[in-house]
Full PDB file with SEQRES, HELIX, SHEET, SSBOND, CRYST1, ORIGX, SCALE, CONECT and MASTER records, all heavy atoms in Angstrom:
SEQRES   1 A   38  MET SER GLY LEU VAL VAL PHE GLY SER VAL ALA PHE GLY          
SEQRES   2 A   38  LEU VAL LEU ALA TRP PRO ILE SER ARG PHE MET ARG HIS          
SEQRES   3 A   38  PHE GLU GLU ALA SER SER ALA VAL ILE PHE GLN PHE              
HELIX    1 AA1 SER A    2  MET A   24  1                                  23    
HELIX    2 AA2 ALA A   30  GLN A   37  1                                   8    
CRYST1    1.000    1.000    1.000  90.00  90.00  90.00 P 1           1          
ORIGX1      1.000000  0.000000  0.000000        0.00000                         
ORIGX2      0.000000  1.000000  0.000000        0.00000                         
ORIGX3      0.000000  0.000000  1.000000        0.00000                         
SCALE1      1.000000  0.000000  0.000000        0.00000                         
SCALE2      0.000000  1.000000  0.000000        0.00000                         
SCALE3      0.000000  0.000000  1.000000        0.00000                         
ATOM      1  N   MET A   1       0.830  -1.200   0.000  1.00  0.00           N  
ATOM      2  CA  MET A   1       0.000   0.000   0.000  1.00  0.00           C  
ATOM      3  C   MET A   1       0.868   1.256   0.000  1.00  0.00           C  
ATOM      4  O   MET A   1       0.537   2.251  -0.658  1.00  0.00           O  
ATOM      5  CB  MET A   1      -0.917  -0.005   1.220  1.00  0.00           C  
ATOM      6  CG  MET A   1      -1.880   1.183   1.264  1.00  0.00           C  
ATOM      7  SD  MET A   1      -2.937   1.275  -0.207  1.00  0.00           S  
ATOM      8  CE  MET A   1      -3.906  -0.232   0.006  1.00  0.00           C  
ATOM      9  N   SER A   2       2.012   1.222   0.707  1.00  0.00           N  
ATOM     10  CA  SER A   2       2.920   2.374   0.717  1.00  0.00           C  
ATOM     11  C   SER A   2       3.471   2.644  -0.678  1.00  0.00           C  
ATOM     12  O   SER A   2       3.598   3.796  -1.101  1.00  0.00           O  
ATOM     13  CB  SER A   2       4.072   2.133   1.699  1.00  0.00           C  
ATOM     14  OG  SER A   2       3.586   2.002   3.013  1.00  0.00           O  
ATOM     15  N   GLY A   3       3.803   1.553  -1.410  1.00  0.00           N  
ATOM     16  CA  GLY A   3       4.262   1.734  -2.786  1.00  0.00           C  
ATOM     17  C   GLY A   3       3.211   2.361  -3.671  1.00  0.00           C  
ATOM     18  O   GLY A   3       3.516   3.257  -4.487  1.00  0.00           O  
ATOM     19  N   LEU A   4       1.973   1.937  -3.517  1.00  0.00           N  
ATOM     20  CA  LEU A   4       0.888   2.541  -4.293  1.00  0.00           C  
ATOM     21  C   LEU A   4       0.683   4.006  -3.914  1.00  0.00           C  
ATOM     22  O   LEU A   4       0.404   4.855  -4.775  1.00  0.00           O  
ATOM     23  CB  LEU A   4      -0.405   1.749  -4.072  1.00  0.00           C  
ATOM     24  CG  LEU A   4      -0.463   0.349  -4.680  1.00  0.00           C  
ATOM     25  CD1 LEU A   4      -1.765  -0.342  -4.287  1.00  0.00           C  
ATOM     26  CD2 LEU A   4      -0.345   0.425  -6.213  1.00  0.00           C  
ATOM     27  N   VAL A   5       0.826   4.316  -2.635  1.00  0.00           N  
ATOM     28  CA  VAL A   5       0.660   5.697  -2.181  1.00  0.00           C  
ATOM     29  C   VAL A   5       1.731   6.585  -2.793  1.00  0.00           C  
ATOM     30  O   VAL A   5       1.451   7.702  -3.256  1.00  0.00           O  
ATOM     31  CB  VAL A   5       0.709   5.755  -0.638  1.00  0.00           C  
ATOM     32  CG1 VAL A   5       0.892   7.185  -0.156  1.00  0.00           C  
ATOM     33  CG2 VAL A   5      -0.553   5.170  -0.048  1.00  0.00           C  
ATOM     34  N   VAL A   6       2.984   6.109  -2.809  1.00  0.00           N  
ATOM     35  CA  VAL A   6       4.069   6.904  -3.400  1.00  0.00           C  
ATOM     36  C   VAL A   6       3.813   7.138  -4.879  1.00  0.00           C  
ATOM     37  O   VAL A   6       3.911   8.274  -5.375  1.00  0.00           O  
ATOM     38  CB  VAL A   6       5.423   6.198  -3.172  1.00  0.00           C  
ATOM     39  CG1 VAL A   6       6.521   6.902  -3.968  1.00  0.00           C  
ATOM     40  CG2 VAL A   6       5.763   6.174  -1.691  1.00  0.00           C  
ATOM     41  N   PHE A   7       3.495   6.078  -5.615  1.00  0.00           N  
ATOM     42  CA  PHE A   7       3.239   6.208  -7.050  1.00  0.00           C  
ATOM     43  C   PHE A   7       2.047   7.138  -7.313  1.00  0.00           C  
ATOM     44  O   PHE A   7       2.105   8.025  -8.166  1.00  0.00           O  
ATOM     45  CB  PHE A   7       2.974   4.836  -7.665  1.00  0.00           C  
ATOM     46  CG  PHE A   7       2.639   4.886  -9.131  1.00  0.00           C  
ATOM     47  CD1 PHE A   7       3.637   5.030 -10.081  1.00  0.00           C  
ATOM     48  CD2 PHE A   7       1.315   4.802  -9.556  1.00  0.00           C  
ATOM     49  CE1 PHE A   7       3.324   5.086 -11.436  1.00  0.00           C  
ATOM     50  CE2 PHE A   7       0.994   4.849 -10.897  1.00  0.00           C  
ATOM     51  CZ  PHE A   7       1.992   4.998 -11.848  1.00  0.00           C  
ATOM     52  N   GLY A   8       0.957   6.942  -6.590  1.00  0.00           N  
ATOM     53  CA  GLY A   8      -0.213   7.784  -6.780  1.00  0.00           C  
ATOM     54  C   GLY A   8       0.039   9.227  -6.426  1.00  0.00           C  
ATOM     55  O   GLY A   8      -0.476  10.144  -7.092  1.00  0.00           O  
ATOM     56  N   SER A   9       0.853   9.488  -5.400  1.00  0.00           N  
ATOM     57  CA  SER A   9       1.153  10.865  -4.997  1.00  0.00           C  
ATOM     58  C   SER A   9       1.967  11.582  -6.059  1.00  0.00           C  
ATOM     59  O   SER A   9       1.714  12.751  -6.374  1.00  0.00           O  
ATOM     60  CB  SER A   9       1.906  10.856  -3.659  1.00  0.00           C  
ATOM     61  OG  SER A   9       1.150  10.229  -2.651  1.00  0.00           O  
ATOM     62  N   VAL A  10       2.967  10.886  -6.610  1.00  0.00           N  
ATOM     63  CA  VAL A  10       3.773  11.489  -7.673  1.00  0.00           C  
ATOM     64  C   VAL A  10       2.900  11.802  -8.886  1.00  0.00           C  
ATOM     65  O   VAL A  10       2.966  12.908  -9.460  1.00  0.00           O  
ATOM     66  CB  VAL A  10       4.939  10.554  -8.056  1.00  0.00           C  
ATOM     67  CG1 VAL A  10       5.646  11.071  -9.307  1.00  0.00           C  
ATOM     68  CG2 VAL A  10       5.919  10.433  -6.901  1.00  0.00           C  
ATOM     69  N   ALA A  11       2.072  10.844  -9.292  1.00  0.00           N  
ATOM     70  CA  ALA A  11       1.207  11.055 -10.450  1.00  0.00           C  
ATOM     71  C   ALA A  11       0.226  12.196 -10.210  1.00  0.00           C  
ATOM     72  O   ALA A  11      -0.010  13.034 -11.098  1.00  0.00           O  
ATOM     73  CB  ALA A  11       0.450   9.765 -10.777  1.00  0.00           C  
ATOM     74  N   PHE A  12      -0.334  12.259  -9.022  1.00  0.00           N  
ATOM     75  CA  PHE A  12      -1.305  13.303  -8.696  1.00  0.00           C  
ATOM     76  C   PHE A  12      -0.665  14.691  -8.769  1.00  0.00           C  
ATOM     77  O   PHE A  12      -1.237  15.633  -9.330  1.00  0.00           O  
ATOM     78  CB  PHE A  12      -1.868  13.042  -7.300  1.00  0.00           C  
ATOM     79  CG  PHE A  12      -3.002  13.944  -6.923  1.00  0.00           C  
ATOM     80  CD1 PHE A  12      -4.211  13.901  -7.601  1.00  0.00           C  
ATOM     81  CD2 PHE A  12      -2.867  14.820  -5.863  1.00  0.00           C  
ATOM     82  CE1 PHE A  12      -5.256  14.733  -7.234  1.00  0.00           C  
ATOM     83  CE2 PHE A  12      -3.906  15.648  -5.498  1.00  0.00           C  
ATOM     84  CZ  PHE A  12      -5.102  15.610  -6.187  1.00  0.00           C  
ATOM     85  N   GLY A  13       0.537  14.829  -8.210  1.00  0.00           N  
ATOM     86  CA  GLY A  13       1.225  16.116  -8.260  1.00  0.00           C  
ATOM     87  C   GLY A  13       1.567  16.541  -9.673  1.00  0.00           C  
ATOM     88  O   GLY A  13       1.425  17.714 -10.045  1.00  0.00           O  
ATOM     89  N   LEU A  14       2.017  15.587 -10.499  1.00  0.00           N  
ATOM     90  CA  LEU A  14       2.370  15.914 -11.883  1.00  0.00           C  
ATOM     91  C   LEU A  14       1.140  16.282 -12.709  1.00  0.00           C  
ATOM     92  O   LEU A  14       1.175  17.215 -13.525  1.00  0.00           O  
ATOM     93  CB  LEU A  14       3.096  14.727 -12.522  1.00  0.00           C  
ATOM     94  CG  LEU A  14       4.491  14.406 -11.978  1.00  0.00           C  
ATOM     95  CD1 LEU A  14       5.026  13.141 -12.645  1.00  0.00           C  
ATOM     96  CD2 LEU A  14       5.444  15.565 -12.213  1.00  0.00           C  
ATOM     97  N   VAL A  15       0.053  15.561 -12.516  1.00  0.00           N  
ATOM     98  CA  VAL A  15      -1.151  15.807 -13.309  1.00  0.00           C  
ATOM     99  C   VAL A  15      -1.720  17.194 -13.027  1.00  0.00           C  
ATOM    100  O   VAL A  15      -2.180  17.890 -13.945  1.00  0.00           O  
ATOM    101  CB  VAL A  15      -2.204  14.717 -13.019  1.00  0.00           C  
ATOM    102  CG1 VAL A  15      -3.568  15.115 -13.571  1.00  0.00           C  
ATOM    103  CG2 VAL A  15      -1.768  13.389 -13.631  1.00  0.00           C  
ATOM    104  N   LEU A  16      -1.683  17.627 -11.779  1.00  0.00           N  
ATOM    105  CA  LEU A  16      -2.262  18.921 -11.430  1.00  0.00           C  
ATOM    106  C   LEU A  16      -1.373  20.094 -11.817  1.00  0.00           C  
ATOM    107  O   LEU A  16      -1.862  21.224 -11.952  1.00  0.00           O  
ATOM    108  CB  LEU A  16      -2.531  18.979  -9.925  1.00  0.00           C  
ATOM    109  CG  LEU A  16      -3.689  18.139  -9.403  1.00  0.00           C  
ATOM    110  CD1 LEU A  16      -3.839  18.344  -7.908  1.00  0.00           C  
ATOM    111  CD2 LEU A  16      -4.986  18.509 -10.114  1.00  0.00           C  
ATOM    112  N   ALA A  17      -0.074  19.871 -11.994  1.00  0.00           N  
ATOM    113  CA  ALA A  17       0.843  20.985 -12.243  1.00  0.00           C  
ATOM    114  C   ALA A  17       0.541  21.687 -13.560  1.00  0.00           C  
ATOM    115  O   ALA A  17       0.559  22.930 -13.628  1.00  0.00           O  
ATOM    116  CB  ALA A  17       2.289  20.480 -12.224  1.00  0.00           C  
ATOM    117  N   TRP A  18       0.263  20.936 -14.622  1.00  0.00           N  
ATOM    118  CA  TRP A  18       0.088  21.568 -15.938  1.00  0.00           C  
ATOM    119  C   TRP A  18      -1.134  22.482 -15.995  1.00  0.00           C  
ATOM    120  O   TRP A  18      -1.008  23.649 -16.371  1.00  0.00           O  
ATOM    121  CB  TRP A  18       0.018  20.499 -17.033  1.00  0.00           C  
ATOM    122  CG  TRP A  18      -0.025  21.106 -18.405  1.00  0.00           C  
ATOM    123  CD1 TRP A  18       1.028  21.528 -19.148  1.00  0.00           C  
ATOM    124  CD2 TRP A  18      -1.201  21.366 -19.185  1.00  0.00           C  
ATOM    125  NE1 TRP A  18       0.603  22.037 -20.346  1.00  0.00           N  
ATOM    126  CE2 TRP A  18      -0.767  21.955 -20.396  1.00  0.00           C  
ATOM    127  CE3 TRP A  18      -2.560  21.157 -18.983  1.00  0.00           C  
ATOM    128  CZ2 TRP A  18      -1.657  22.333 -21.391  1.00  0.00           C  
ATOM    129  CZ3 TRP A  18      -3.442  21.542 -19.969  1.00  0.00           C  
ATOM    130  CH2 TRP A  18      -3.000  22.125 -21.163  1.00  0.00           C  
ATOM    131  N   PRO A  19      -2.349  22.027 -15.621  1.00  0.00           N  
ATOM    132  CA  PRO A  19      -3.494  22.938 -15.720  1.00  0.00           C  
ATOM    133  C   PRO A  19      -3.377  24.142 -14.789  1.00  0.00           C  
ATOM    134  O   PRO A  19      -3.798  25.249 -15.137  1.00  0.00           O  
ATOM    135  CB  PRO A  19      -4.697  22.054 -15.351  1.00  0.00           C  
ATOM    136  CG  PRO A  19      -4.133  20.904 -14.609  1.00  0.00           C  
ATOM    137  CD  PRO A  19      -2.778  20.682 -15.177  1.00  0.00           C  
ATOM    138  N   ILE A  20      -2.795  23.953 -13.594  1.00  0.00           N  
ATOM    139  CA  ILE A  20      -2.674  25.084 -12.674  1.00  0.00           C  
ATOM    140  C   ILE A  20      -1.660  26.095 -13.195  1.00  0.00           C  
ATOM    141  O   ILE A  20      -1.862  27.318 -13.078  1.00  0.00           O  
ATOM    142  CB  ILE A  20      -2.291  24.575 -11.275  1.00  0.00           C  
ATOM    143  CG1 ILE A  20      -3.475  23.804 -10.677  1.00  0.00           C  
ATOM    144  CG2 ILE A  20      -1.898  25.724 -10.352  1.00  0.00           C  
ATOM    145  CD1 ILE A  20      -3.210  23.199  -9.325  1.00  0.00           C  
ATOM    146  N   SER A  21      -0.575  25.620 -13.805  1.00  0.00           N  
ATOM    147  CA  SER A  21       0.385  26.558 -14.388  1.00  0.00           C  
ATOM    148  C   SER A  21      -0.233  27.347 -15.532  1.00  0.00           C  
ATOM    149  O   SER A  21       0.041  28.541 -15.699  1.00  0.00           O  
ATOM    150  CB  SER A  21       1.629  25.800 -14.879  1.00  0.00           C  
ATOM    151  OG  SER A  21       1.312  24.974 -15.991  1.00  0.00           O  
ATOM    152  N   ARG A  22      -1.100  26.707 -16.313  1.00  0.00           N  
ATOM    153  CA  ARG A  22      -1.799  27.419 -17.385  1.00  0.00           C  
ATOM    154  C   ARG A  22      -2.760  28.460 -16.811  1.00  0.00           C  
ATOM    155  O   ARG A  22      -2.870  29.571 -17.318  1.00  0.00           O  
ATOM    156  CB  ARG A  22      -2.571  26.420 -18.243  1.00  0.00           C  
ATOM    157  CG  ARG A  22      -1.727  25.357 -18.908  1.00  0.00           C  
ATOM    158  CD  ARG A  22      -1.016  25.857 -20.126  1.00  0.00           C  
ATOM    159  NE  ARG A  22      -1.945  26.226 -21.188  1.00  0.00           N  
ATOM    160  CZ  ARG A  22      -1.554  26.666 -22.387  1.00  0.00           C  
ATOM    161  NH1 ARG A  22      -0.255  26.766 -22.652  1.00  0.00           N  
ATOM    162  NH2 ARG A  22      -2.432  26.991 -23.305  1.00  0.00           N  
ATOM    163  N   PHE A  23      -3.436  28.087 -15.735  1.00  0.00           N  
ATOM    164  CA  PHE A  23      -4.401  29.005 -15.137  1.00  0.00           C  
ATOM    165  C   PHE A  23      -3.699  30.221 -14.541  1.00  0.00           C  
ATOM    166  O   PHE A  23      -4.237  31.342 -14.587  1.00  0.00           O  
ATOM    167  CB  PHE A  23      -5.203  28.271 -14.057  1.00  0.00           C  
ATOM    168  CG  PHE A  23      -6.266  29.115 -13.413  1.00  0.00           C  
ATOM    169  CD1 PHE A  23      -7.461  29.362 -14.067  1.00  0.00           C  
ATOM    170  CD2 PHE A  23      -6.053  29.665 -12.159  1.00  0.00           C  
ATOM    171  CE1 PHE A  23      -8.438  30.136 -13.474  1.00  0.00           C  
ATOM    172  CE2 PHE A  23      -7.023  30.437 -11.560  1.00  0.00           C  
ATOM    173  CZ  PHE A  23      -8.222  30.675 -12.224  1.00  0.00           C  
ATOM    174  N   MET A  24      -2.497  30.035 -13.992  1.00  0.00           N  
ATOM    175  CA  MET A  24      -1.797  31.142 -13.346  1.00  0.00           C  
ATOM    176  C   MET A  24      -1.350  32.210 -14.329  1.00  0.00           C  
ATOM    177  O   MET A  24      -1.023  33.329 -13.926  1.00  0.00           O  
ATOM    178  CB  MET A  24      -0.590  30.613 -12.566  1.00  0.00           C  
ATOM    179  CG  MET A  24      -0.960  29.900 -11.284  1.00  0.00           C  
ATOM    180  SD  MET A  24       0.468  29.649 -10.206  1.00  0.00           S  
ATOM    181  CE  MET A  24       0.897  31.345  -9.834  1.00  0.00           C  
ATOM    182  N   ARG A  25      -1.343  31.907 -15.624  1.00  0.00           N  
ATOM    183  CA  ARG A  25      -0.979  32.918 -16.609  1.00  0.00           C  
ATOM    184  C   ARG A  25      -1.974  34.071 -16.644  1.00  0.00           C  
ATOM    185  O   ARG A  25      -1.646  35.161 -17.103  1.00  0.00           O  
ATOM    186  CB  ARG A  25      -0.906  32.286 -18.003  1.00  0.00           C  
ATOM    187  CG  ARG A  25       0.137  31.198 -18.148  1.00  0.00           C  
ATOM    188  CD  ARG A  25       0.175  30.681 -19.568  1.00  0.00           C  
ATOM    189  NE  ARG A  25       1.081  29.549 -19.722  1.00  0.00           N  
ATOM    190  CZ  ARG A  25       1.351  28.957 -20.878  1.00  0.00           C  
ATOM    191  NH1 ARG A  25       0.761  29.394 -21.990  1.00  0.00           N  
ATOM    192  NH2 ARG A  25       2.187  27.948 -20.937  1.00  0.00           N  
ATOM    193  N   HIS A  26      -3.179  33.841 -16.159  1.00  0.00           N  
ATOM    194  CA  HIS A  26      -4.218  34.865 -16.257  1.00  0.00           C  
ATOM    195  C   HIS A  26      -4.141  35.883 -15.123  1.00  0.00           C  
ATOM    196  O   HIS A  26      -4.869  36.875 -15.169  1.00  0.00           O  
ATOM    197  CB  HIS A  26      -5.600  34.197 -16.259  1.00  0.00           C  
ATOM    198  CG  HIS A  26      -5.803  33.248 -17.411  1.00  0.00           C  
ATOM    199  ND1 HIS A  26      -5.962  33.669 -18.714  1.00  0.00           N  
ATOM    200  CD2 HIS A  26      -5.849  31.886 -17.455  1.00  0.00           C  
ATOM    201  CE1 HIS A  26      -6.110  32.619 -19.511  1.00  0.00           C  
ATOM    202  NE2 HIS A  26      -6.039  31.522 -18.764  1.00  0.00           N  
ATOM    203  N   PHE A  27      -3.285  35.644 -14.135  1.00  0.00           N  
ATOM    204  CA  PHE A  27      -3.159  36.622 -13.055  1.00  0.00           C  
ATOM    205  C   PHE A  27      -2.297  37.785 -13.517  1.00  0.00           C  
ATOM    206  O   PHE A  27      -1.229  37.597 -14.095  1.00  0.00           O  
ATOM    207  CB  PHE A  27      -2.531  35.976 -11.810  1.00  0.00           C  
ATOM    208  CG  PHE A  27      -3.459  35.062 -11.068  1.00  0.00           C  
ATOM    209  CD1 PHE A  27      -3.353  33.681 -11.193  1.00  0.00           C  
ATOM    210  CD2 PHE A  27      -4.444  35.584 -10.256  1.00  0.00           C  
ATOM    211  CE1 PHE A  27      -4.207  32.835 -10.511  1.00  0.00           C  
ATOM    212  CE2 PHE A  27      -5.313  34.739  -9.572  1.00  0.00           C  
ATOM    213  CZ  PHE A  27      -5.197  33.372  -9.694  1.00  0.00           C  
ATOM    214  N   GLU A  28      -2.755  38.999 -13.216  1.00  0.00           N  
ATOM    215  CA  GLU A  28      -2.020  40.197 -13.622  1.00  0.00           C  
ATOM    216  C   GLU A  28      -1.561  41.022 -12.434  1.00  0.00           C  
ATOM    217  O   GLU A  28      -0.823  41.993 -12.612  1.00  0.00           O  
ATOM    218  CB  GLU A  28      -2.892  41.055 -14.540  1.00  0.00           C  
ATOM    219  CG  GLU A  28      -3.260  40.360 -15.852  1.00  0.00           C  
ATOM    220  CD  GLU A  28      -4.121  41.231 -16.743  1.00  0.00           C  
ATOM    221  OE1 GLU A  28      -4.511  42.323 -16.281  1.00  0.00           O  
ATOM    222  OE2 GLU A  28      -4.401  40.803 -17.887  1.00  0.00           O  
ATOM    223  N   GLU A  29      -2.012  40.702 -11.242  1.00  0.00           N  
ATOM    224  CA  GLU A  29      -1.575  41.432 -10.058  1.00  0.00           C  
ATOM    225  C   GLU A  29      -0.999  40.456  -9.037  1.00  0.00           C  
ATOM    226  O   GLU A  29      -1.459  39.318  -8.905  1.00  0.00           O  
ATOM    227  CB  GLU A  29      -2.730  42.224  -9.448  1.00  0.00           C  
ATOM    228  CG  GLU A  29      -3.940  41.385  -9.096  1.00  0.00           C  
ATOM    229  CD  GLU A  29      -5.017  42.212  -8.426  1.00  0.00           C  
ATOM    230  OE1 GLU A  29      -4.717  43.351  -8.046  1.00  0.00           O  
ATOM    231  OE2 GLU A  29      -6.146  41.718  -8.280  1.00  0.00           O  
ATOM    232  N   ALA A  30       0.015  40.943  -8.321  1.00  0.00           N  
ATOM    233  CA  ALA A  30       0.764  40.060  -7.427  1.00  0.00           C  
ATOM    234  C   ALA A  30      -0.084  39.580  -6.256  1.00  0.00           C  
ATOM    235  O   ALA A  30       0.029  38.423  -5.836  1.00  0.00           O  
ATOM    236  CB  ALA A  30       2.009  40.780  -6.917  1.00  0.00           C  
ATOM    237  N   SER A  31      -0.923  40.437  -5.700  1.00  0.00           N  
ATOM    238  CA  SER A  31      -1.673  40.048  -4.505  1.00  0.00           C  
ATOM    239  C   SER A  31      -2.579  38.855  -4.773  1.00  0.00           C  
ATOM    240  O   SER A  31      -2.592  37.888  -4.004  1.00  0.00           O  
ATOM    241  CB  SER A  31      -2.501  41.235  -4.002  1.00  0.00           C  
ATOM    242  OG  SER A  31      -3.363  41.717  -5.030  1.00  0.00           O  
ATOM    243  N   SER A  32      -3.331  38.885  -5.883  1.00  0.00           N  
ATOM    244  CA  SER A  32      -4.221  37.761  -6.212  1.00  0.00           C  
ATOM    245  C   SER A  32      -3.413  36.501  -6.502  1.00  0.00           C  
ATOM    246  O   SER A  32      -3.803  35.395  -6.097  1.00  0.00           O  
ATOM    247  CB  SER A  32      -5.092  38.116  -7.414  1.00  0.00           C  
ATOM    248  OG  SER A  32      -5.903  39.232  -7.137  1.00  0.00           O  
ATOM    249  N   ALA A  33      -2.297  36.656  -7.207  1.00  0.00           N  
ATOM    250  CA  ALA A  33      -1.477  35.493  -7.555  1.00  0.00           C  
ATOM    251  C   ALA A  33      -0.919  34.817  -6.307  1.00  0.00           C  
ATOM    252  O   ALA A  33      -0.915  33.582  -6.197  1.00  0.00           O  
ATOM    253  CB  ALA A  33      -0.340  35.911  -8.485  1.00  0.00           C  
ATOM    254  N   VAL A  34      -0.432  35.609  -5.344  1.00  0.00           N  
ATOM    255  CA  VAL A  34       0.163  35.030  -4.135  1.00  0.00           C  
ATOM    256  C   VAL A  34      -0.911  34.356  -3.280  1.00  0.00           C  
ATOM    257  O   VAL A  34      -0.685  33.272  -2.716  1.00  0.00           O  
ATOM    258  CB  VAL A  34       0.907  36.113  -3.331  1.00  0.00           C  
ATOM    259  CG1 VAL A  34       1.369  35.561  -1.990  1.00  0.00           C  
ATOM    260  CG2 VAL A  34       2.101  36.630  -4.123  1.00  0.00           C  
ATOM    261  N   ILE A  35      -2.086  34.976  -3.179  1.00  0.00           N  
ATOM    262  CA  ILE A  35      -3.182  34.331  -2.440  1.00  0.00           C  
ATOM    263  C   ILE A  35      -3.531  32.992  -3.079  1.00  0.00           C  
ATOM    264  O   ILE A  35      -3.749  31.987  -2.382  1.00  0.00           O  
ATOM    265  CB  ILE A  35      -4.409  35.262  -2.411  1.00  0.00           C  
ATOM    266  CG1 ILE A  35      -4.121  36.491  -1.541  1.00  0.00           C  
ATOM    267  CG2 ILE A  35      -5.634  34.519  -1.876  1.00  0.00           C  
ATOM    268  CD1 ILE A  35      -5.200  37.538  -1.590  1.00  0.00           C  
ATOM    269  N   PHE A  36      -3.567  32.953  -4.400  1.00  0.00           N  
ATOM    270  CA  PHE A  36      -3.857  31.704  -5.110  1.00  0.00           C  
ATOM    271  C   PHE A  36      -2.771  30.668  -4.843  1.00  0.00           C  
ATOM    272  O   PHE A  36      -3.058  29.485  -4.642  1.00  0.00           O  
ATOM    273  CB  PHE A  36      -3.984  31.979  -6.605  1.00  0.00           C  
ATOM    274  CG  PHE A  36      -4.316  30.768  -7.422  1.00  0.00           C  
ATOM    275  CD1 PHE A  36      -5.615  30.288  -7.480  1.00  0.00           C  
ATOM    276  CD2 PHE A  36      -3.335  30.101  -8.140  1.00  0.00           C  
ATOM    277  CE1 PHE A  36      -5.923  29.164  -8.226  1.00  0.00           C  
ATOM    278  CE2 PHE A  36      -3.633  28.982  -8.889  1.00  0.00           C  
ATOM    279  CZ  PHE A  36      -4.934  28.516  -8.936  1.00  0.00           C  
ATOM    280  N   GLN A  37      -1.508  31.091  -4.823  1.00  0.00           N  
ATOM    281  CA  GLN A  37      -0.401  30.167  -4.576  1.00  0.00           C  
ATOM    282  C   GLN A  37      -0.511  29.523  -3.195  1.00  0.00           C  
ATOM    283  O   GLN A  37      -0.340  28.304  -3.046  1.00  0.00           O  
ATOM    284  CB  GLN A  37       0.929  30.906  -4.715  1.00  0.00           C  
ATOM    285  CG  GLN A  37       1.257  31.339  -6.133  1.00  0.00           C  
ATOM    286  CD  GLN A  37       2.403  32.334  -6.176  1.00  0.00           C  
ATOM    287  OE1 GLN A  37       3.070  32.571  -5.167  1.00  0.00           O  
ATOM    288  NE2 GLN A  37       2.621  32.941  -7.333  1.00  0.00           N  
ATOM    289  N   PHE A  38      -0.789  30.320  -2.178  1.00  0.00           N  
ATOM    290  CA  PHE A  38      -0.928  29.763  -0.836  1.00  0.00           C  
ATOM    291  C   PHE A  38      -2.164  28.877  -0.738  1.00  0.00           C  
ATOM    292  O   PHE A  38      -2.145  27.827  -0.070  1.00  0.00           O  
ATOM    293  CB  PHE A  38      -0.986  30.880   0.203  1.00  0.00           C  
ATOM    294  CG  PHE A  38       0.361  31.398   0.610  1.00  0.00           C  
ATOM    295  CD1 PHE A  38       0.890  32.534   0.037  1.00  0.00           C  
ATOM    296  CD2 PHE A  38       1.109  30.733   1.559  1.00  0.00           C  
ATOM    297  CE1 PHE A  38       2.133  33.019   0.404  1.00  0.00           C  
ATOM    298  CE2 PHE A  38       2.365  31.201   1.942  1.00  0.00           C  
ATOM    299  CZ  PHE A  38       2.877  32.348   1.361  1.00  0.00           C  
TER     300      PHE A  38                                                      
MASTER        0    0    0    2    0    0    0    6  299    1    0    3          
END                                                                             
């Protein structure tokens, strides 16, 4: 189960990175972008 958790965690992090990086392009002010990052 630990092996599955490690594999699933890596895949989950990689899958979410691309759409969120695309979405962050639409921020034009630092305050909103930093709130979104946190």
